[in-house]
Amino acid sequence: MKNPNPALIDAVWEHGRVMAEADPAHWRQDSCGAWMRREHYGRQDTPFGWKLEPLDPAGPHDPTNLRPFHWRNGYDPANRRPRCRVSADRTGVPAEKFVFPPRNRDLSRRFSGRAGS
């Protein structure tokens, strides 16, 4: 989607998952659990960049049909579920602790080194 208006970006941002450890004005998670930073909308040169993703490609370009996704993640309308390539990284962090600043991990690395990958 090219150049959506700021009100639309704000409305879609509200669909992101709020986490207790991070200021929701700046940090949210997408449906895959990947961290996104509000100021990084439209950027692919940062680990926290994000985009607007339609749930139904033929549907309206409004907040009822759009969700925020990390720039490497997306939504598969045929299977009606997220396509996850990046998620939050909690490696080495006890369940009761928070990671700040947030960090993400590349899920595709789990499969590197396997035949056919």
PDB file of N, CA and C in Angstrom:
ATOM      1  N   MET A   1       0.851  -1.165   0.000  1.00  0.00           N
ATOM      2  CA  MET A   1       0.000   0.000   0.000  1.00  0.00           C
ATOM      3  C   MET A   1       0.898   1.231   0.000  1.00  0.00           C
ATOM      4  N   LYS A   2       0.706   2.093  -0.964  1.00  0.00           N
ATOM      5  CA  LYS A   2       1.544   3.277  -1.087  1.00  0.00           C
ATOM      6  C   LYS A   2       0.927   4.472  -0.376  1.00  0.00           C
ATOM      7  N   ASN A   3       1.738   5.099   0.443  1.00  0.00           N
ATOM      8  CA  ASN A   3       1.398   6.351   1.110  1.00  0.00           C
ATOM      9  C   ASN A   3       0.027   6.399   1.783  1.00  0.00           C
ATOM     10  N   PRO A   4      -0.257   5.467   2.699  1.00  0.00           N
ATOM     11  CA  PRO A   4      -1.526   5.584   3.430  1.00  0.00           C
ATOM     12  C   PRO A   4      -1.500   6.812   4.328  1.00  0.00           C
ATOM     13  N   ASN A   5      -2.685   7.314   4.647  1.00  0.00           N
ATOM     14  CA  ASN A   5      -2.718   8.520   5.477  1.00  0.00           C
ATOM     15  C   ASN A   5      -2.365   8.175   6.929  1.00  0.00           C
ATOM     16  N   PRO A   6      -1.853   9.144   7.661  1.00  0.00           N
ATOM     17  CA  PRO A   6      -1.420   8.907   9.048  1.00  0.00           C
ATOM     18  C   PRO A   6      -2.534   8.364   9.948  1.00  0.00           C
ATOM     19  N   ALA A   7      -3.763   8.773   9.728  1.00  0.00           N
ATOM     20  CA  ALA A   7      -4.876   8.272  10.551  1.00  0.00           C
ATOM     21  C   ALA A   7      -5.071   6.778  10.336  1.00  0.00           C
ATOM     22  N   LEU A   8      -4.916   6.304   9.102  1.00  0.00           N
ATOM     23  CA  LEU A   8      -5.045   4.877   8.814  1.00  0.00           C
ATOM     24  C   LEU A   8      -3.904   4.104   9.483  1.00  0.00           C
ATOM     25  N   ILE A   9      -2.695   4.613   9.385  1.00  0.00           N
ATOM     26  CA  ILE A   9      -1.544   3.957  10.023  1.00  0.00           C
ATOM     27  C   ILE A   9      -1.772   3.852  11.526  1.00  0.00           C
ATOM     28  N   ASP A  10      -2.238   4.927  12.145  1.00  0.00           N
ATOM     29  CA  ASP A  10      -2.520   4.916  13.586  1.00  0.00           C
ATOM     30  C   ASP A  10      -3.595   3.901  13.943  1.00  0.00           C
ATOM     31  N   ALA A  11      -4.647   3.831  13.143  1.00  0.00           N
ATOM     32  CA  ALA A  11      -5.747   2.911  13.423  1.00  0.00           C
ATOM     33  C   ALA A  11      -5.305   1.450  13.305  1.00  0.00           C
ATOM     34  N   VAL A  12      -4.493   1.148  12.307  1.00  0.00           N
ATOM     35  CA  VAL A  12      -3.998  -0.224  12.136  1.00  0.00           C
ATOM     36  C   VAL A  12      -3.004  -0.561  13.245  1.00  0.00           C
ATOM     37  N   TRP A  13      -2.169   0.392  13.655  1.00  0.00           N
ATOM     38  CA  TRP A  13      -1.225   0.186  14.754  1.00  0.00           C
ATOM     39  C   TRP A  13      -1.960  -0.307  16.002  1.00  0.00           C
ATOM     40  N   GLU A  14      -3.154   0.186  16.230  1.00  0.00           N
ATOM     41  CA  GLU A  14      -3.937  -0.199  17.404  1.00  0.00           C
ATOM     42  C   GLU A  14      -4.274  -1.690  17.427  1.00  0.00           C
ATOM     43  N   HIS A  15      -4.199  -2.362  16.279  1.00  0.00           N
ATOM     44  CA  HIS A  15      -4.443  -3.816  16.222  1.00  0.00           C
ATOM     45  C   HIS A  15      -3.236  -4.624  16.705  1.00  0.00           C
ATOM     46  N   GLY A  16      -2.082  -3.987  16.851  1.00  0.00           N
ATOM     47  CA  GLY A  16      -0.895  -4.689  17.338  1.00  0.00           C
ATOM     48  C   GLY A  16      -1.064  -5.080  18.794  1.00  0.00           C
ATOM     49  N   ARG A  17      -0.386  -6.149  19.173  1.00  0.00           N
ATOM     50  CA  ARG A  17      -0.474  -6.671  20.543  1.00  0.00           C
ATOM     51  C   ARG A  17       0.337  -5.804  21.500  1.00  0.00           C
ATOM     52  N   VAL A  18      -0.319  -5.317  22.546  1.00  0.00           N
ATOM     53  CA  VAL A  18       0.336  -4.523  23.588  1.00  0.00           C
ATOM     54  C   VAL A  18       0.968  -5.480  24.591  1.00  0.00           C
ATOM     55  N   MET A  19       2.214  -5.177  24.963  1.00  0.00           N
ATOM     56  CA  MET A  19       2.922  -6.004  25.933  1.00  0.00           C
ATOM     57  C   MET A  19       3.253  -5.151  27.152  1.00  0.00           C
ATOM     58  N   ALA A  20       3.129  -5.738  28.333  1.00  0.00           N
ATOM     59  CA  ALA A  20       3.309  -5.008  29.597  1.00  0.00           C
ATOM     60  C   ALA A  20       4.688  -4.375  29.724  1.00  0.00           C
ATOM     61  N   GLU A  21       5.698  -4.986  29.142  1.00  0.00           N
ATOM     62  CA  GLU A  21       7.063  -4.496  29.325  1.00  0.00           C
ATOM     63  C   GLU A  21       7.452  -3.348  28.402  1.00  0.00           C
ATOM     64  N   ALA A  22       6.572  -2.969  27.482  1.00  0.00           N
ATOM     65  CA  ALA A  22       6.950  -1.952  26.507  1.00  0.00           C
ATOM     66  C   ALA A  22       5.859  -0.895  26.345  1.00  0.00           C
ATOM     67  N   ASP A  23       6.281   0.334  26.134  1.00  0.00           N
ATOM     68  CA  ASP A  23       5.366   1.455  25.923  1.00  0.00           C
ATOM     69  C   ASP A  23       4.585   1.227  24.632  1.00  0.00           C
ATOM     70  N   PRO A  24       3.254   1.066  24.703  1.00  0.00           N
ATOM     71  CA  PRO A  24       2.461   0.767  23.511  1.00  0.00           C
ATOM     72  C   PRO A  24       2.413   1.896  22.487  1.00  0.00           C
ATOM     73  N   ALA A  25       2.814   3.093  22.862  1.00  0.00           N
ATOM     74  CA  ALA A  25       2.891   4.178  21.887  1.00  0.00           C
ATOM     75  C   ALA A  25       4.046   3.952  20.914  1.00  0.00           C
ATOM     76  N   HIS A  26       5.053   3.155  21.345  1.00  0.00           N
ATOM     77  CA  HIS A  26       6.236   2.924  20.521  1.00  0.00           C
ATOM     78  C   HIS A  26       6.432   1.469  20.115  1.00  0.00           C
ATOM     79  N   TRP A  27       5.967   0.524  20.936  1.00  0.00           N
ATOM     80  CA  TRP A  27       6.244  -0.894  20.706  1.00  0.00           C
ATOM     81  C   TRP A  27       4.961  -1.710  20.694  1.00  0.00           C
ATOM     82  N   ARG A  28       4.844  -2.608  19.735  1.00  0.00           N
ATOM     83  CA  ARG A  28       3.753  -3.588  19.676  1.00  0.00           C
ATOM     84  C   ARG A  28       4.322  -4.861  19.062  1.00  0.00           C
ATOM     85  N   GLN A  29       3.543  -5.937  19.185  1.00  0.00           N
ATOM     86  CA  GLN A  29       3.900  -7.180  18.512  1.00  0.00           C
ATOM     87  C   GLN A  29       2.855  -7.484  17.451  1.00  0.00           C
ATOM     88  N   ASP A  30       3.300  -8.108  16.367  1.00  0.00           N
ATOM     89  CA  ASP A  30       2.360  -8.524  15.331  1.00  0.00           C
ATOM     90  C   ASP A  30       1.780  -9.892  15.682  1.00  0.00           C
ATOM     91  N   SER A  31       1.002 -10.470  14.795  1.00  0.00           N
ATOM     92  CA  SER A  31       0.352 -11.766  15.051  1.00  0.00           C
ATOM     93  C   SER A  31       1.338 -12.917  15.164  1.00  0.00           C
ATOM     94  N   CYS A  32       2.568 -12.713  14.727  1.00  0.00           N
ATOM     95  CA  CYS A  32       3.617 -13.727  14.849  1.00  0.00           C
ATOM     96  C   CYS A  32       4.423 -13.540  16.130  1.00  0.00           C
ATOM     97  N   GLY A  33       4.171 -12.456  16.833  1.00  0.00           N
ATOM     98  CA  GLY A  33       4.926 -12.156  18.048  1.00  0.00           C
ATOM     99  C   GLY A  33       6.159 -11.317  17.804  1.00  0.00           C
ATOM    100  N   ALA A  34       6.385 -10.873  16.552  1.00  0.00           N
ATOM    101  CA  ALA A  34       7.555 -10.044  16.245  1.00  0.00           C
ATOM    102  C   ALA A  34       7.346  -8.622  16.752  1.00  0.00           C
ATOM    103  N   TRP A  35       8.411  -8.043  17.285  1.00  0.00           N
ATOM    104  CA  TRP A  35       8.358  -6.671  17.762  1.00  0.00           C
ATOM    105  C   TRP A  35       8.381  -5.704  16.595  1.00  0.00           C
ATOM    106  N   MET A  36       7.566  -4.661  16.715  1.00  0.00           N
ATOM    107  CA  MET A  36       7.513  -3.575  15.739  1.00  0.00           C
ATOM    108  C   MET A  36       7.647  -2.261  16.511  1.00  0.00           C
ATOM    109  N   ARG A  37       8.306  -1.292  15.919  1.00  0.00           N
ATOM    110  CA  ARG A  37       8.427   0.034  16.531  1.00  0.00           C
ATOM    111  C   ARG A  37       7.608   1.014  15.697  1.00  0.00           C
ATOM    112  N   ARG A  38       6.739   1.743  16.340  1.00  0.00           N
ATOM    113  CA  ARG A  38       5.795   2.636  15.653  1.00  0.00           C
ATOM    114  C   ARG A  38       6.492   3.554  14.650  1.00  0.00           C
ATOM    115  N   GLU A  39       7.605   4.133  15.044  1.00  0.00           N
ATOM    116  CA  GLU A  39       8.324   5.082  14.196  1.00  0.00           C
ATOM    117  C   GLU A  39       8.972   4.424  12.977  1.00  0.00           C
ATOM    118  N   HIS A  40       8.984   3.103  12.926  1.00  0.00           N
ATOM    119  CA  HIS A  40       9.648   2.390  11.831  1.00  0.00           C
ATOM    120  C   HIS A  40       8.669   1.901  10.771  1.00  0.00           C
ATOM    121  N   TYR A  41       7.471   2.467  10.740  1.00  0.00           N
ATOM    122  CA  TYR A  41       6.499   2.076   9.703  1.00  0.00           C
ATOM    123  C   TYR A  41       7.104   2.284   8.313  1.00  0.00           C
ATOM    124  N   GLY A  42       6.926   1.277   7.457  1.00  0.00           N
ATOM    125  CA  GLY A  42       7.375   1.360   6.074  1.00  0.00           C
ATOM    126  C   GLY A  42       8.855   1.120   5.858  1.00  0.00           C
ATOM    127  N   ARG A  43       9.596   0.814   6.913  1.00  0.00           N
ATOM    128  CA  ARG A  43      11.042   0.623   6.790  1.00  0.00           C
ATOM    129  C   ARG A  43      11.405  -0.861   6.761  1.00  0.00           C
ATOM    130  N   GLN A  44      12.367  -1.188   5.900  1.00  0.00           N
ATOM    131  CA  GLN A  44      12.897  -2.548   5.835  1.00  0.00           C
ATOM    132  C   GLN A  44      14.372  -2.584   6.204  1.00  0.00           C
ATOM    133  N   ASP A  45      14.890  -1.478   6.680  1.00  0.00           N
ATOM    134  CA  ASP A  45      16.309  -1.392   7.039  1.00  0.00           C
ATOM    135  C   ASP A  45      16.509  -1.442   8.550  1.00  0.00           C
ATOM    136  N   THR A  46      15.523  -1.942   9.269  1.00  0.00           N
ATOM    137  CA  THR A  46      15.565  -2.012  10.722  1.00  0.00           C
ATOM    138  C   THR A  46      14.954  -3.329  11.186  1.00  0.00           C
ATOM    139  N   PRO A  47      15.379  -3.862  12.321  1.00  0.00           N
ATOM    140  CA  PRO A  47      14.784  -5.107  12.817  1.00  0.00           C
ATOM    141  C   PRO A  47      13.354  -4.929  13.315  1.00  0.00           C
ATOM    142  N   PHE A  48      12.858  -3.686  13.386  1.00  0.00           N
ATOM    143  CA  PHE A  48      11.520  -3.441  13.922  1.00  0.00           C
ATOM    144  C   PHE A  48      10.587  -2.761  12.931  1.00  0.00           C
ATOM    145  N   GLY A  49      10.947  -2.761  11.649  1.00  0.00           N
ATOM    146  CA  GLY A  49      10.101  -2.172  10.625  1.00  0.00           C
ATOM    147  C   GLY A  49       8.808  -2.955  10.461  1.00  0.00           C
ATOM    148  N   TRP A  50       7.776  -2.271   9.984  1.00  0.00           N
ATOM    149  CA  TRP A  50       6.485  -2.938   9.836  1.00  0.00           C
ATOM    150  C   TRP A  50       5.693  -2.347   8.674  1.00  0.00           C
ATOM    151  N   LYS A  51       4.605  -3.045   8.350  1.00  0.00           N
ATOM    152  CA  LYS A  51       3.771  -2.685   7.206  1.00  0.00           C
ATOM    153  C   LYS A  51       2.310  -2.957   7.534  1.00  0.00           C
ATOM    154  N   LEU A  52       1.430  -2.476   6.663  1.00  0.00           N
ATOM    155  CA  LEU A  52       0.002  -2.773   6.745  1.00  0.00           C
ATOM    156  C   LEU A  52      -0.249  -3.974   5.838  1.00  0.00           C
ATOM    157  N   GLU A  53      -0.922  -4.981   6.354  1.00  0.00           N
ATOM    158  CA  GLU A  53      -1.157  -6.210   5.598  1.00  0.00           C
ATOM    159  C   GLU A  53      -2.660  -6.487   5.544  1.00  0.00           C
ATOM    160  N   PRO A  54      -3.228  -6.675   4.348  1.00  0.00           N
ATOM    161  CA  PRO A  54      -4.662  -6.966   4.263  1.00  0.00           C
ATOM    162  C   PRO A  54      -4.974  -8.410   4.645  1.00  0.00           C
ATOM    163  N   LEU A  55      -6.065  -8.597   5.340  1.00  0.00           N
ATOM    164  CA  LEU A  55      -6.543  -9.945   5.645  1.00  0.00           C
ATOM    165  C   LEU A  55      -7.223 -10.536   4.418  1.00  0.00           C
ATOM    166  N   ASP A  56      -7.887  -9.688   3.642  1.00  0.00           N
ATOM    167  CA  ASP A  56      -8.542 -10.075   2.396  1.00  0.00           C
ATOM    168  C   ASP A  56      -8.047  -9.123   1.320  1.00  0.00           C
ATOM    169  N   PRO A  57      -7.239  -9.609   0.361  1.00  0.00           N
ATOM    170  CA  PRO A  57      -6.673  -8.720  -0.657  1.00  0.00           C
ATOM    171  C   PRO A  57      -7.734  -7.963  -1.459  1.00  0.00           C
ATOM    172  N   ALA A  58      -8.925  -8.518  -1.576  1.00  0.00           N
ATOM    173  CA  ALA A  58     -10.001  -7.855  -2.316  1.00  0.00           C
ATOM    174  C   ALA A  58     -10.841  -6.953  -1.410  1.00  0.00           C
ATOM    175  N   GLY A  59     -10.554  -6.968  -0.116  1.00  0.00           N
ATOM    176  CA  GLY A  59     -11.327  -6.191   0.841  1.00  0.00           C
ATOM    177  C   GLY A  59     -10.924  -4.731   0.868  1.00  0.00           C
ATOM    178  N   PRO A  60     -11.589  -3.956   1.700  1.00  0.00           N
ATOM    179  CA  PRO A  60     -11.299  -2.521   1.770  1.00  0.00           C
ATOM    180  C   PRO A  60      -9.942  -2.242   2.415  1.00  0.00           C
ATOM    181  N   HIS A  61      -9.363  -1.132   2.031  1.00  0.00           N
ATOM    182  CA  HIS A  61      -8.107  -0.697   2.652  1.00  0.00           C
ATOM    183  C   HIS A  61      -8.444   0.218   3.821  1.00  0.00           C
ATOM    184  N   ASP A  62      -8.990  -0.422   4.856  1.00  0.00           N
ATOM    185  CA  ASP A  62      -9.342   0.304   6.080  1.00  0.00           C
ATOM    186  C   ASP A  62      -9.027  -0.585   7.274  1.00  0.00           C
ATOM    187  N   PRO A  63      -9.109  -0.055   8.484  1.00  0.00           N
ATOM    188  CA  PRO A  63      -8.694  -0.809   9.670  1.00  0.00           C
ATOM    189  C   PRO A  63      -9.458  -2.112   9.923  1.00  0.00           C
ATOM    190  N   THR A  64     -10.623  -2.279   9.322  1.00  0.00           N
ATOM    191  CA  THR A  64     -11.345  -3.543   9.510  1.00  0.00           C
ATOM    192  C   THR A  64     -10.670  -4.688   8.778  1.00  0.00           C
ATOM    193  N   ASN A  65      -9.887  -4.381   7.737  1.00  0.00           N
ATOM    194  CA  ASN A  65      -9.264  -5.403   6.908  1.00  0.00           C
ATOM    195  C   ASN A  65      -7.738  -5.383   6.962  1.00  0.00           C
ATOM    196  N   LEU A  66      -7.143  -4.434   7.640  1.00  0.00           N
ATOM    197  CA  LEU A  66      -5.686  -4.315   7.676  1.00  0.00           C
ATOM    198  C   LEU A  66      -5.146  -4.613   9.071  1.00  0.00           C
ATOM    199  N   ARG A  67      -3.969  -5.231   9.119  1.00  0.00           N
ATOM    200  CA  ARG A  67      -3.301  -5.513  10.384  1.00  0.00           C
ATOM    201  C   ARG A  67      -1.842  -5.117  10.268  1.00  0.00           C
ATOM    202  N   PRO A  68      -1.214  -4.789  11.403  1.00  0.00           N
ATOM    203  CA  PRO A  68       0.217  -4.471  11.374  1.00  0.00           C
ATOM    204  C   PRO A  68       1.031  -5.762  11.408  1.00  0.00           C
ATOM    205  N   PHE A  69       2.023  -5.848  10.538  1.00  0.00           N
ATOM    206  CA  PHE A  69       2.929  -6.988  10.511  1.00  0.00           C
ATOM    207  C   PHE A  69       4.353  -6.494  10.359  1.00  0.00           C
ATOM    208  N   HIS A  70       5.271  -7.177  11.051  1.00  0.00           N
ATOM    209  CA  HIS A  70       6.696  -6.955  10.829  1.00  0.00           C
ATOM    210  C   HIS A  70       6.923  -7.056   9.322  1.00  0.00           C
ATOM    211  N   TRP A  71       7.866  -6.295   8.790  1.00  0.00           N
ATOM    212  CA  TRP A  71       8.047  -6.247   7.342  1.00  0.00           C
ATOM    213  C   TRP A  71       8.396  -7.597   6.719  1.00  0.00           C
ATOM    214  N   ARG A  72       8.915  -8.542   7.495  1.00  0.00           N
ATOM    215  CA  ARG A  72       9.236  -9.871   6.945  1.00  0.00           C
ATOM    216  C   ARG A  72       8.110 -10.875   7.143  1.00  0.00           C
ATOM    217  N   ASN A  73       7.117 -10.526   7.935  1.00  0.00           N
ATOM    218  CA  ASN A  73       5.968 -11.409   8.156  1.00  0.00           C
ATOM    219  C   ASN A  73       4.820 -10.975   7.258  1.00  0.00           C
ATOM    220  N   GLY A  74       3.774 -11.753   7.244  1.00  0.00           N
ATOM    221  CA  GLY A  74       2.621 -11.406   6.422  1.00  0.00           C
ATOM    222  C   GLY A  74       1.411 -12.228   6.803  1.00  0.00           C
ATOM    223  N   TYR A  75       0.383 -12.133   5.981  1.00  0.00           N
ATOM    224  CA  TYR A  75      -0.853 -12.870   6.224  1.00  0.00           C
ATOM    225  C   TYR A  75      -1.176 -13.682   4.981  1.00  0.00           C
ATOM    226  N   ASP A  76      -1.502 -14.954   5.173  1.00  0.00           N
ATOM    227  CA  ASP A  76      -1.857 -15.859   4.079  1.00  0.00           C
ATOM    228  C   ASP A  76      -3.382 -15.968   4.031  1.00  0.00           C
ATOM    229  N   PRO A  77      -4.031 -15.210   3.133  1.00  0.00           N
ATOM    230  CA  PRO A  77      -5.498 -15.225   3.105  1.00  0.00           C
ATOM    231  C   PRO A  77      -6.079 -16.577   2.702  1.00  0.00           C
ATOM    232  N   ALA A  78      -5.363 -17.368   1.921  1.00  0.00           N
ATOM    233  CA  ALA A  78      -5.871 -18.675   1.503  1.00  0.00           C
ATOM    234  C   ALA A  78      -6.029 -19.615   2.698  1.00  0.00           C
ATOM    235  N   ASN A  79      -5.074 -19.556   3.621  1.00  0.00           N
ATOM    236  CA  ASN A  79      -5.117 -20.415   4.808  1.00  0.00           C
ATOM    237  C   ASN A  79      -5.627 -19.680   6.045  1.00  0.00           C
ATOM    238  N   ARG A  80      -5.871 -18.375   5.887  1.00  0.00           N
ATOM    239  CA  ARG A  80      -6.401 -17.539   6.963  1.00  0.00           C
ATOM    240  C   ARG A  80      -5.553 -17.595   8.230  1.00  0.00           C
ATOM    241  N   ARG A  81      -4.229 -17.410   8.022  1.00  0.00           N
ATOM    242  CA  ARG A  81      -3.310 -17.385   9.163  1.00  0.00           C
ATOM    243  C   ARG A  81      -2.046 -16.607   8.804  1.00  0.00           C
ATOM    244  N   PRO A  82      -1.319 -16.171   9.829  1.00  0.00           N
ATOM    245  CA  PRO A  82      -0.075 -15.423   9.580  1.00  0.00           C
ATOM    246  C   PRO A  82       1.008 -16.298   8.961  1.00  0.00           C
ATOM    247  N   ARG A  83       1.883 -15.662   8.171  1.00  0.00           N
ATOM    248  CA  ARG A  83       3.118 -16.284   7.666  1.00  0.00           C
ATOM    249  C   ARG A  83       4.247 -15.681   8.495  1.00  0.00           C
ATOM    250  N   CYS A  84       4.861 -16.490   9.305  1.00  0.00           N
ATOM    251  CA  CYS A  84       5.836 -15.973  10.274  1.00  0.00           C
ATOM    252  C   CYS A  84       7.263 -16.335   9.888  1.00  0.00           C
ATOM    253  N   ARG A  85       8.073 -15.315   9.665  1.00  0.00           N
ATOM    254  CA  ARG A  85       9.508 -15.482   9.419  1.00  0.00           C
ATOM    255  C   ARG A  85      10.330 -14.900  10.558  1.00  0.00           C
ATOM    256  N   VAL A  86       9.693 -14.025  11.365  1.00  0.00           N
ATOM    257  CA  VAL A  86      10.360 -13.353  12.471  1.00  0.00           C
ATOM    258  C   VAL A  86       9.426 -13.369  13.679  1.00  0.00           C
ATOM    259  N   SER A  87       9.999 -13.586  14.860  1.00  0.00           N
ATOM    260  CA  SER A  87       9.226 -13.558  16.103  1.00  0.00           C
ATOM    261  C   SER A  87      10.112 -12.964  17.199  1.00  0.00           C
ATOM    262  N   ALA A  88       9.496 -12.652  18.331  1.00  0.00           N
ATOM    263  CA  ALA A  88      10.258 -12.126  19.465  1.00  0.00           C
ATOM    264  C   ALA A  88      11.278 -13.158  19.932  1.00  0.00           C
ATOM    265  N   ASP A  89      12.393 -12.680  20.416  1.00  0.00           N
ATOM    266  CA  ASP A  89      13.455 -13.549  20.922  1.00  0.00           C
ATOM    267  C   ASP A  89      13.516 -13.427  22.441  1.00  0.00           C
ATOM    268  N   ARG A  90      13.195 -14.512  23.121  1.00  0.00           N
ATOM    269  CA  ARG A  90      13.278 -14.548  24.585  1.00  0.00           C
ATOM    270  C   ARG A  90      14.325 -15.564  25.036  1.00  0.00           C
ATOM    271  N   THR A  91      15.251 -15.883  24.160  1.00  0.00           N
ATOM    272  CA  THR A  91      16.294 -16.847  24.469  1.00  0.00           C
ATOM    273  C   THR A  91      17.055 -16.435  25.723  1.00  0.00           C
ATOM    274  N   GLY A  92      17.116 -17.355  26.683  1.00  0.00           N
ATOM    275  CA  GLY A  92      17.869 -17.117  27.903  1.00  0.00           C
ATOM    276  C   GLY A  92      17.196 -16.197  28.902  1.00  0.00           C
ATOM    277  N   VAL A  93      15.924 -15.878  28.676  1.00  0.00           N
ATOM    278  CA  VAL A  93      15.211 -14.968  29.574  1.00  0.00           C
ATOM    279  C   VAL A  93      14.196 -15.774  30.388  1.00  0.00           C
ATOM    280  N   PRO A  94      14.276 -15.743  31.709  1.00  0.00           N
ATOM    281  CA  PRO A  94      13.300 -16.460  32.529  1.00  0.00           C
ATOM    282  C   PRO A  94      11.868 -15.961  32.248  1.00  0.00           C
ATOM    283  N   ALA A  95      10.905 -16.832  32.388  1.00  0.00           N
ATOM    284  CA  ALA A  95       9.507 -16.520  32.064  1.00  0.00           C
ATOM    285  C   ALA A  95       8.990 -15.284  32.789  1.00  0.00           C
ATOM    286  N   GLU A  96       9.433 -15.058  34.001  1.00  0.00           N
ATOM    287  CA  GLU A  96       8.919 -13.924  34.783  1.00  0.00           C
ATOM    288  C   GLU A  96       9.649 -12.611  34.488  1.00  0.00           C
ATOM    289  N   LYS A  97      10.656 -12.644  33.622  1.00  0.00           N
ATOM    290  CA  LYS A  97      11.445 -11.451  33.310  1.00  0.00           C
ATOM    291  C   LYS A  97      11.056 -10.877  31.947  1.00  0.00           C
ATOM    292  N   PHE A  98      11.393  -9.604  31.747  1.00  0.00           N
ATOM    293  CA  PHE A  98      11.151  -8.934  30.485  1.00  0.00           C
ATOM    294  C   PHE A  98      12.473  -8.709  29.772  1.00  0.00           C
ATOM    295  N   VAL A  99      12.409  -8.609  28.446  1.00  0.00           N
ATOM    296  CA  VAL A  99      13.580  -8.277  27.636  1.00  0.00           C
ATOM    297  C   VAL A  99      13.396  -6.838  27.175  1.00  0.00           C
ATOM    298  N   PHE A 100      14.308  -5.976  27.572  1.00  0.00           N
ATOM    299  CA  PHE A 100      14.245  -4.611  27.068  1.00  0.00           C
ATOM    300  C   PHE A 100      15.645  -4.092  26.846  1.00  0.00           C
ATOM    301  N   PRO A 101      15.942  -3.586  25.673  1.00  0.00           N
ATOM    302  CA  PRO A 101      15.001  -3.370  24.600  1.00  0.00           C
ATOM    303  C   PRO A 101      14.598  -4.689  23.957  1.00  0.00           C
ATOM    304  N   PRO A 102      13.433  -4.689  23.290  1.00  0.00           N
ATOM    305  CA  PRO A 102      12.964  -5.925  22.638  1.00  0.00           C
ATOM    306  C   PRO A 102      13.955  -6.407  21.592  1.00  0.00           C
ATOM    307  N   ARG A 103      13.863  -7.661  21.278  1.00  0.00           N
ATOM    308  CA  ARG A 103      14.686  -8.218  20.206  1.00  0.00           C
ATOM    309  C   ARG A 103      13.868  -9.262  19.457  1.00  0.00           C
ATOM    310  N   ASN A 104      14.200  -9.443  18.195  1.00  0.00           N
ATOM    311  CA  ASN A 104      13.533 -10.419  17.334  1.00  0.00           C
ATOM    312  C   ASN A 104      14.526 -11.479  16.903  1.00  0.00           C
ATOM    313  N   ARG A 105      14.000 -12.584  16.425  1.00  0.00           N
ATOM    314  CA  ARG A 105      14.852 -13.643  15.874  1.00  0.00           C
ATOM    315  C   ARG A 105      14.275 -14.104  14.551  1.00  0.00           C
ATOM    316  N   ASP A 106      15.153 -14.534  13.684  1.00  0.00           N
ATOM    317  CA  ASP A 106      14.797 -15.029  12.365  1.00  0.00           C
ATOM    318  C   ASP A 106      14.394 -16.494  12.497  1.00  0.00           C
ATOM    319  N   LEU A 107      13.139 -16.808  12.245  1.00  0.00           N
ATOM    320  CA  LEU A 107      12.662 -18.185  12.381  1.00  0.00           C
ATOM    321  C   LEU A 107      13.198 -19.084  11.275  1.00  0.00           C
ATOM    322  N   SER A 108      13.554 -18.520  10.129  1.00  0.00           N
ATOM    323  CA  SER A 108      14.042 -19.346   9.015  1.00  0.00           C
ATOM    324  C   SER A 108      15.391 -19.969   9.329  1.00  0.00           C
ATOM    325  N   ARG A 109      16.148 -19.403  10.274  1.00  0.00           N
ATOM    326  CA  ARG A 109      17.455 -19.973  10.637  1.00  0.00           C
ATOM    327  C   ARG A 109      17.323 -21.335  11.292  1.00  0.00           C
ATOM    328  N   ARG A 110      16.146 -21.627  11.846  1.00  0.00           N
ATOM    329  CA  ARG A 110      15.935 -22.942  12.448  1.00  0.00           C
ATOM    330  C   ARG A 110      16.121 -24.040  11.423  1.00  0.00           C
ATOM    331  N   PHE A 111      15.887 -23.705  10.151  1.00  0.00           N
ATOM    332  CA  PHE A 111      15.906 -24.710   9.102  1.00  0.00           C
ATOM    333  C   PHE A 111      17.184 -24.682   8.281  1.00  0.00           C
ATOM    334  N   SER A 112      18.078 -23.732   8.554  1.00  0.00           N
ATOM    335  CA  SER A 112      19.303 -23.640   7.757  1.00  0.00           C
ATOM    336  C   SER A 112      20.163 -24.864   8.009  1.00  0.00           C
ATOM    337  N   GLY A 113      20.833 -25.290   6.963  1.00  0.00           N
ATOM    338  CA  GLY A 113      21.706 -26.446   7.060  1.00  0.00           C
ATOM    339  C   GLY A 113      20.989 -27.762   6.783  1.00  0.00           C
ATOM    340  N   ARG A 114      19.699 -27.722   6.639  1.00  0.00           N
ATOM    341  CA  ARG A 114      18.955 -28.938   6.308  1.00  0.00           C
ATOM    342  C   ARG A 114      18.883 -29.076   4.797  1.00  0.00           C
ATOM    343  N   ALA A 115      18.831 -30.290   4.340  1.00  0.00           N
ATOM    344  CA  ALA A 115      18.739 -30.536   2.892  1.00  0.00           C
ATOM    345  C   ALA A 115      17.479 -29.906   2.345  1.00  0.00           C
ATOM    346  N   GLY A 116      17.619 -29.256   1.211  1.00  0.00           N
ATOM    347  CA  GLY A 116      16.475 -28.668   0.544  1.00  0.00           C
ATOM    348  C   GLY A 116      16.065 -27.317   1.071  1.00  0.00           C
ATOM    349  N   SER A 117      16.833 -26.729   2.005  1.00  0.00           N
ATOM    350  CA  SER A 117      16.425 -25.418   2.518  1.00  0.00           C
ATOM    351  C   SER A 117      17.192 -24.302   1.880  1.00  0.00           C
TER     352      SER A 117
END
